[in-house]
Amino acid sequence: MERRVAANLLLDFYGALLTEHTREILRMYLEEDMSLQEIADTLSISRQAVHDALTRGEKQLSEYEDKLGLLRRFRDMKLRLAECTRLLETAKDALSKAEALLNGIEADSDA
């Protein structure tokens, strides 16, 4: 399953670099979850031609990722964004506590 998810992400990033035929076969297989035979019947090609296109297409997508690293950078950016969000939430909590302490000090000094 993980391989299929990764291939789908690679298709999102690099699909435009594939031929329309290969991209369509990968899309049918990965996004529509069609079997090789269903794709073959839909496109009026052999099951072996579908298998070859899938193999070739996935190899090309992997090669693009190896060279360009867009998916790797995207995942890294998502991790860093999540960490920034976590840090901002922590800072927000700390600021709220500091504000409450300051309000308490101010209330004590007014009394």
N, C-alpha and C. Protein backbone atom coordinates (compact mmCIF):
# COMPACT_ATOMS: atom_id res chain seq x y z
N MET A 1 0.83 -1.20 0.00
CA MET A 1 0.00 0.00 0.00
C MET A 1 0.87 1.26 0.00
N GLU A 2 1.92 1.26 0.80
CA GLU A 2 2.81 2.42 0.88
C GLU A 2 3.41 2.74 -0.48
N ARG A 3 3.79 1.71 -1.24
CA ARG A 3 4.37 1.92 -2.56
C ARG A 3 3.37 2.60 -3.48
N ARG A 4 2.12 2.20 -3.35
CA ARG A 4 1.07 2.79 -4.18
C ARG A 4 0.82 4.25 -3.82
N VAL A 5 0.83 4.55 -2.54
CA VAL A 5 0.65 5.93 -2.09
C VAL A 5 1.81 6.80 -2.57
N ALA A 6 3.02 6.28 -2.43
CA ALA A 6 4.20 7.02 -2.88
C ALA A 6 4.15 7.25 -4.39
N ALA A 7 3.74 6.23 -5.15
CA ALA A 7 3.64 6.37 -6.60
C ALA A 7 2.59 7.41 -6.98
N ASN A 8 1.51 7.45 -6.24
CA ASN A 8 0.45 8.43 -6.49
C ASN A 8 0.96 9.85 -6.24
N LEU A 9 1.72 10.02 -5.16
CA LEU A 9 2.31 11.34 -4.88
C LEU A 9 3.30 11.74 -5.98
N LEU A 10 4.11 10.79 -6.40
CA LEU A 10 5.06 11.07 -7.47
C LEU A 10 4.32 11.45 -8.75
N LEU A 11 3.20 10.80 -9.01
CA LEU A 11 2.40 11.13 -10.19
C LEU A 11 1.88 12.56 -10.08
N ASP A 12 1.47 12.98 -8.89
CA ASP A 12 1.02 14.36 -8.69
C ASP A 12 2.14 15.35 -9.01
N PHE A 13 3.34 15.04 -8.57
CA PHE A 13 4.46 15.95 -8.76
C PHE A 13 5.03 15.94 -10.17
N TYR A 14 5.16 14.77 -10.75
CA TYR A 14 5.88 14.64 -12.02
C TYR A 14 5.05 14.13 -13.19
N GLY A 15 3.77 13.93 -12.98
CA GLY A 15 2.93 13.36 -14.03
C GLY A 15 2.98 14.13 -15.34
N ALA A 16 3.10 15.43 -15.27
CA ALA A 16 3.14 16.25 -16.49
C ALA A 16 4.37 15.95 -17.35
N LEU A 17 5.38 15.32 -16.76
CA LEU A 17 6.60 15.00 -17.50
C LEU A 17 6.49 13.69 -18.26
N LEU A 18 5.46 12.92 -17.98
CA LEU A 18 5.24 11.64 -18.66
C LEU A 18 4.44 11.86 -19.95
N THR A 19 4.47 10.86 -20.81
CA THR A 19 3.61 10.94 -21.99
C THR A 19 2.16 10.86 -21.52
N GLU A 20 1.27 11.39 -22.31
CA GLU A 20 -0.15 11.38 -21.94
C GLU A 20 -0.64 9.95 -21.74
N HIS A 21 -0.20 9.05 -22.60
CA HIS A 21 -0.61 7.64 -22.53
C HIS A 21 -0.17 7.00 -21.21
N THR A 22 1.10 7.16 -20.87
CA THR A 22 1.63 6.58 -19.63
C THR A 22 0.96 7.22 -18.42
N ARG A 23 0.80 8.53 -18.46
CA ARG A 23 0.15 9.25 -17.34
C ARG A 23 -1.27 8.74 -17.14
N GLU A 24 -2.00 8.53 -18.22
CA GLU A 24 -3.38 8.06 -18.12
C GLU A 24 -3.44 6.65 -17.54
N ILE A 25 -2.55 5.78 -17.96
CA ILE A 25 -2.52 4.41 -17.43
C ILE A 25 -2.20 4.44 -15.93
N LEU A 26 -1.21 5.23 -15.54
CA LEU A 26 -0.88 5.34 -14.11
C LEU A 26 -2.05 5.93 -13.33
N ARG A 27 -2.70 6.94 -13.88
CA ARG A 27 -3.84 7.56 -13.20
C ARG A 27 -4.96 6.54 -12.99
N MET A 28 -5.27 5.78 -14.02
CA MET A 28 -6.33 4.77 -13.91
C MET A 28 -5.98 3.73 -12.85
N TYR A 29 -4.73 3.33 -12.84
CA TYR A 29 -4.29 2.29 -11.90
C TYR A 29 -4.21 2.83 -10.47
N LEU A 30 -3.62 3.99 -10.30
CA LEU A 30 -3.38 4.52 -8.95
C LEU A 30 -4.58 5.26 -8.37
N GLU A 31 -5.23 6.08 -9.17
CA GLU A 31 -6.30 6.93 -8.65
C GLU A 31 -7.68 6.26 -8.74
N GLU A 32 -7.91 5.53 -9.81
CA GLU A 32 -9.21 4.88 -9.98
C GLU A 32 -9.20 3.43 -9.52
N ASP A 33 -8.03 2.93 -9.14
CA ASP A 33 -7.87 1.57 -8.63
C ASP A 33 -8.38 0.52 -9.61
N MET A 34 -8.14 0.78 -10.89
CA MET A 34 -8.55 -0.17 -11.93
C MET A 34 -7.51 -1.28 -12.04
N SER A 35 -7.97 -2.47 -12.37
CA SER A 35 -7.05 -3.59 -12.58
C SER A 35 -6.36 -3.43 -13.93
N LEU A 36 -5.30 -4.18 -14.13
CA LEU A 36 -4.59 -4.14 -15.40
C LEU A 36 -5.53 -4.53 -16.55
N GLN A 37 -6.36 -5.53 -16.32
CA GLN A 37 -7.28 -5.98 -17.36
C GLN A 37 -8.33 -4.91 -17.66
N GLU A 38 -8.84 -4.24 -16.63
CA GLU A 38 -9.82 -3.17 -16.85
C GLU A 38 -9.22 -2.03 -17.67
N ILE A 39 -7.98 -1.68 -17.36
CA ILE A 39 -7.30 -0.62 -18.11
C ILE A 39 -7.10 -1.07 -19.55
N ALA A 40 -6.65 -2.31 -19.72
CA ALA A 40 -6.43 -2.84 -21.06
C ALA A 40 -7.72 -2.81 -21.88
N ASP A 41 -8.82 -3.22 -21.29
CA ASP A 41 -10.10 -3.22 -21.98
C ASP A 41 -10.53 -1.79 -22.33
N THR A 42 -10.35 -0.87 -21.39
CA THR A 42 -10.76 0.52 -21.61
C THR A 42 -9.96 1.16 -22.74
N LEU A 43 -8.67 0.88 -22.79
CA LEU A 43 -7.79 1.51 -23.79
C LEU A 43 -7.59 0.66 -25.04
N SER A 44 -8.21 -0.50 -25.07
CA SER A 44 -8.08 -1.44 -26.20
C SER A 44 -6.62 -1.77 -26.48
N ILE A 45 -5.91 -2.11 -25.42
CA ILE A 45 -4.52 -2.56 -25.53
C ILE A 45 -4.39 -3.86 -24.73
N SER A 46 -3.26 -4.51 -24.84
CA SER A 46 -3.08 -5.76 -24.11
C SER A 46 -2.77 -5.50 -22.64
N ARG A 47 -3.04 -6.51 -21.84
CA ARG A 47 -2.71 -6.43 -20.42
C ARG A 47 -1.21 -6.26 -20.24
N GLN A 48 -0.43 -6.91 -21.09
CA GLN A 48 1.03 -6.79 -21.03
C GLN A 48 1.47 -5.36 -21.33
N ALA A 49 0.80 -4.70 -22.27
CA ALA A 49 1.14 -3.31 -22.60
C ALA A 49 0.86 -2.40 -21.40
N VAL A 50 -0.21 -2.69 -20.68
CA VAL A 50 -0.53 -1.92 -19.47
C VAL A 50 0.56 -2.16 -18.42
N HIS A 51 0.91 -3.40 -18.22
CA HIS A 51 1.95 -3.74 -17.24
C HIS A 51 3.26 -3.04 -17.59
N ASP A 52 3.65 -3.08 -18.86
CA ASP A 52 4.90 -2.44 -19.29
C ASP A 52 4.85 -0.94 -19.08
N ALA A 53 3.71 -0.32 -19.39
CA ALA A 53 3.57 1.13 -19.21
C ALA A 53 3.63 1.51 -17.73
N LEU A 54 2.99 0.70 -16.88
CA LEU A 54 3.05 0.95 -15.44
C LEU A 54 4.48 0.84 -14.92
N THR A 55 5.16 -0.21 -15.32
CA THR A 55 6.54 -0.42 -14.87
C THR A 55 7.44 0.71 -15.34
N ARG A 56 7.32 1.06 -16.61
CA ARG A 56 8.13 2.14 -17.19
C ARG A 56 7.78 3.48 -16.53
N GLY A 57 6.50 3.74 -16.35
CA GLY A 57 6.05 5.00 -15.75
C GLY A 57 6.53 5.16 -14.31
N GLU A 58 6.39 4.11 -13.51
CA GLU A 58 6.84 4.18 -12.12
C GLU A 58 8.35 4.36 -12.05
N LYS A 59 9.07 3.73 -12.97
CA LYS A 59 10.53 3.89 -13.01
C LYS A 59 10.89 5.33 -13.35
N GLN A 60 10.21 5.90 -14.33
CA GLN A 60 10.47 7.28 -14.71
C GLN A 60 10.17 8.24 -13.56
N LEU A 61 9.06 8.01 -12.86
CA LEU A 61 8.70 8.86 -11.73
C LEU A 61 9.77 8.80 -10.64
N SER A 62 10.26 7.61 -10.36
CA SER A 62 11.32 7.44 -9.36
C SER A 62 12.60 8.15 -9.79
N GLU A 63 12.91 8.06 -11.07
CA GLU A 63 14.12 8.73 -11.57
C GLU A 63 13.98 10.24 -11.46
N TYR A 64 12.81 10.77 -11.78
CA TYR A 64 12.58 12.22 -11.62
C TYR A 64 12.77 12.63 -10.17
N GLU A 65 12.23 11.84 -9.25
CA GLU A 65 12.36 12.16 -7.83
C GLU A 65 13.82 12.09 -7.40
N ASP A 66 14.55 11.08 -7.87
CA ASP A 66 15.97 10.97 -7.53
C ASP A 66 16.75 12.20 -7.99
N LYS A 67 16.40 12.72 -9.16
CA LYS A 67 17.12 13.86 -9.72
C LYS A 67 16.64 15.20 -9.16
N LEU A 68 15.34 15.34 -8.98
CA LEU A 68 14.78 16.64 -8.61
C LEU A 68 14.41 16.76 -7.13
N GLY A 69 14.01 15.68 -6.52
CA GLY A 69 13.72 15.66 -5.09
C GLY A 69 12.56 16.53 -4.64
N LEU A 70 11.58 16.77 -5.51
CA LEU A 70 10.46 17.63 -5.12
C LEU A 70 9.61 17.03 -4.00
N LEU A 71 9.34 15.74 -4.08
CA LEU A 71 8.53 15.09 -3.05
C LEU A 71 9.27 15.08 -1.72
N ARG A 72 10.55 14.79 -1.75
CA ARG A 72 11.35 14.79 -0.53
C ARG A 72 11.34 16.18 0.11
N ARG A 73 11.50 17.22 -0.70
CA ARG A 73 11.48 18.59 -0.17
C ARG A 73 10.10 18.96 0.34
N PHE A 74 9.06 18.51 -0.35
CA PHE A 74 7.69 18.78 0.08
C PHE A 74 7.42 18.16 1.45
N ARG A 75 7.82 16.89 1.61
CA ARG A 75 7.62 16.21 2.90
C ARG A 75 8.41 16.90 4.00
N ASP A 76 9.64 17.31 3.69
CA ASP A 76 10.47 18.01 4.67
C ASP A 76 9.82 19.34 5.07
N MET A 77 9.29 20.05 4.09
CA MET A 77 8.63 21.32 4.37
C MET A 77 7.39 21.11 5.25
N LYS A 78 6.63 20.06 4.97
CA LYS A 78 5.45 19.78 5.80
C LYS A 78 5.84 19.49 7.25
N LEU A 79 6.93 18.76 7.44
CA LEU A 79 7.41 18.48 8.80
C LEU A 79 7.82 19.76 9.50
N ARG A 80 8.55 20.62 8.78
CA ARG A 80 8.98 21.88 9.39
C ARG A 80 7.80 22.78 9.70
N LEU A 81 6.79 22.80 8.82
CA LEU A 81 5.59 23.60 9.09
C LEU A 81 4.85 23.09 10.32
N ALA A 82 4.76 21.79 10.46
CA ALA A 82 4.10 21.21 11.63
C ALA A 82 4.87 21.58 12.90
N GLU A 83 6.20 21.54 12.83
CA GLU A 83 7.01 21.92 13.99
C GLU A 83 6.83 23.40 14.32
N CYS A 84 6.78 24.26 13.31
CA CYS A 84 6.55 25.69 13.54
C CYS A 84 5.19 25.91 14.20
N THR A 85 4.18 25.21 13.73
CA THR A 85 2.84 25.33 14.31
C THR A 85 2.86 24.90 15.78
N ARG A 86 3.55 23.79 16.05
CA ARG A 86 3.65 23.33 17.43
C ARG A 86 4.36 24.36 18.31
N LEU A 87 5.45 24.92 17.80
CA LEU A 87 6.19 25.92 18.56
C LEU A 87 5.37 27.18 18.78
N LEU A 88 4.61 27.59 17.78
CA LEU A 88 3.75 28.77 17.94
C LEU A 88 2.66 28.53 18.98
N GLU A 89 2.10 27.33 19.00
CA GLU A 89 1.09 27.00 20.01
C GLU A 89 1.71 27.04 21.41
N THR A 90 2.93 26.50 21.52
CA THR A 90 3.64 26.53 22.81
C THR A 90 3.90 27.97 23.24
N ALA A 91 4.35 28.79 22.29
CA ALA A 91 4.62 30.20 22.60
C ALA A 91 3.34 30.93 22.98
N LYS A 92 2.25 30.62 22.29
CA LYS A 92 0.95 31.23 22.59
C LYS A 92 0.52 30.89 24.01
N ASP A 93 0.69 29.62 24.40
CA ASP A 93 0.35 29.20 25.76
C ASP A 93 1.23 29.94 26.77
N ALA A 94 2.51 30.04 26.48
CA ALA A 94 3.44 30.72 27.40
C ALA A 94 3.07 32.20 27.52
N LEU A 95 2.72 32.84 26.42
CA LEU A 95 2.32 34.25 26.46
C LEU A 95 1.04 34.44 27.26
N SER A 96 0.11 33.53 27.13
CA SER A 96 -1.14 33.62 27.90
C SER A 96 -0.87 33.50 29.39
N LYS A 97 0.04 32.58 29.76
CA LYS A 97 0.40 32.43 31.17
C LYS A 97 1.13 33.66 31.68
N ALA A 98 2.02 34.22 30.86
CA ALA A 98 2.75 35.43 31.26
C ALA A 98 1.78 36.59 31.43
N GLU A 99 0.81 36.70 30.53
CA GLU A 99 -0.18 37.77 30.63
C GLU A 99 -0.99 37.63 31.92
N ALA A 100 -1.36 36.40 32.25
CA ALA A 100 -2.12 36.18 33.49
C ALA A 100 -1.29 36.56 34.70
N LEU A 101 0.00 36.21 34.69
CA LEU A 101 0.88 36.59 35.80
C LEU A 101 1.00 38.11 35.90
N LEU A 102 1.18 38.78 34.78
CA LEU A 102 1.29 40.24 34.79
C LEU A 102 0.00 40.89 35.29
N ASN A 103 -1.13 40.36 34.87
CA ASN A 103 -2.41 40.89 35.34
C ASN A 103 -2.55 40.69 36.85
N GLY A 104 -2.05 39.54 37.33
CA GLY A 104 -2.09 39.30 38.78
C GLY A 104 -1.21 40.27 39.53
N ILE A 105 -0.03 40.53 39.01
CA ILE A 105 0.89 41.50 39.64
C ILE A 105 0.28 42.89 39.64
N GLU A 106 -0.33 43.26 38.51
CA GLU A 106 -0.95 44.58 38.39
C GLU A 106 -2.11 44.71 39.38
N ALA A 107 -2.91 43.64 39.51
CA ALA A 107 -4.02 43.66 40.45
C ALA A 107 -3.53 43.79 41.88
N ASP A 108 -2.43 43.11 42.21
CA ASP A 108 -1.86 43.19 43.56
C ASP A 108 -1.35 44.59 43.85
N SER A 109 -0.75 45.23 42.84
CA SER A 109 -0.19 46.57 43.07
C SER A 109 -1.26 47.63 43.16
N ASP A 110 -2.43 47.41 42.57
CA ASP A 110 -3.54 48.36 42.66
C ASP A 110 -4.24 48.26 44.01
N ALA A 111 -4.07 47.16 44.68
CA ALA A 111 -4.77 46.94 45.95
C ALA A 111 -4.13 47.62 47.11
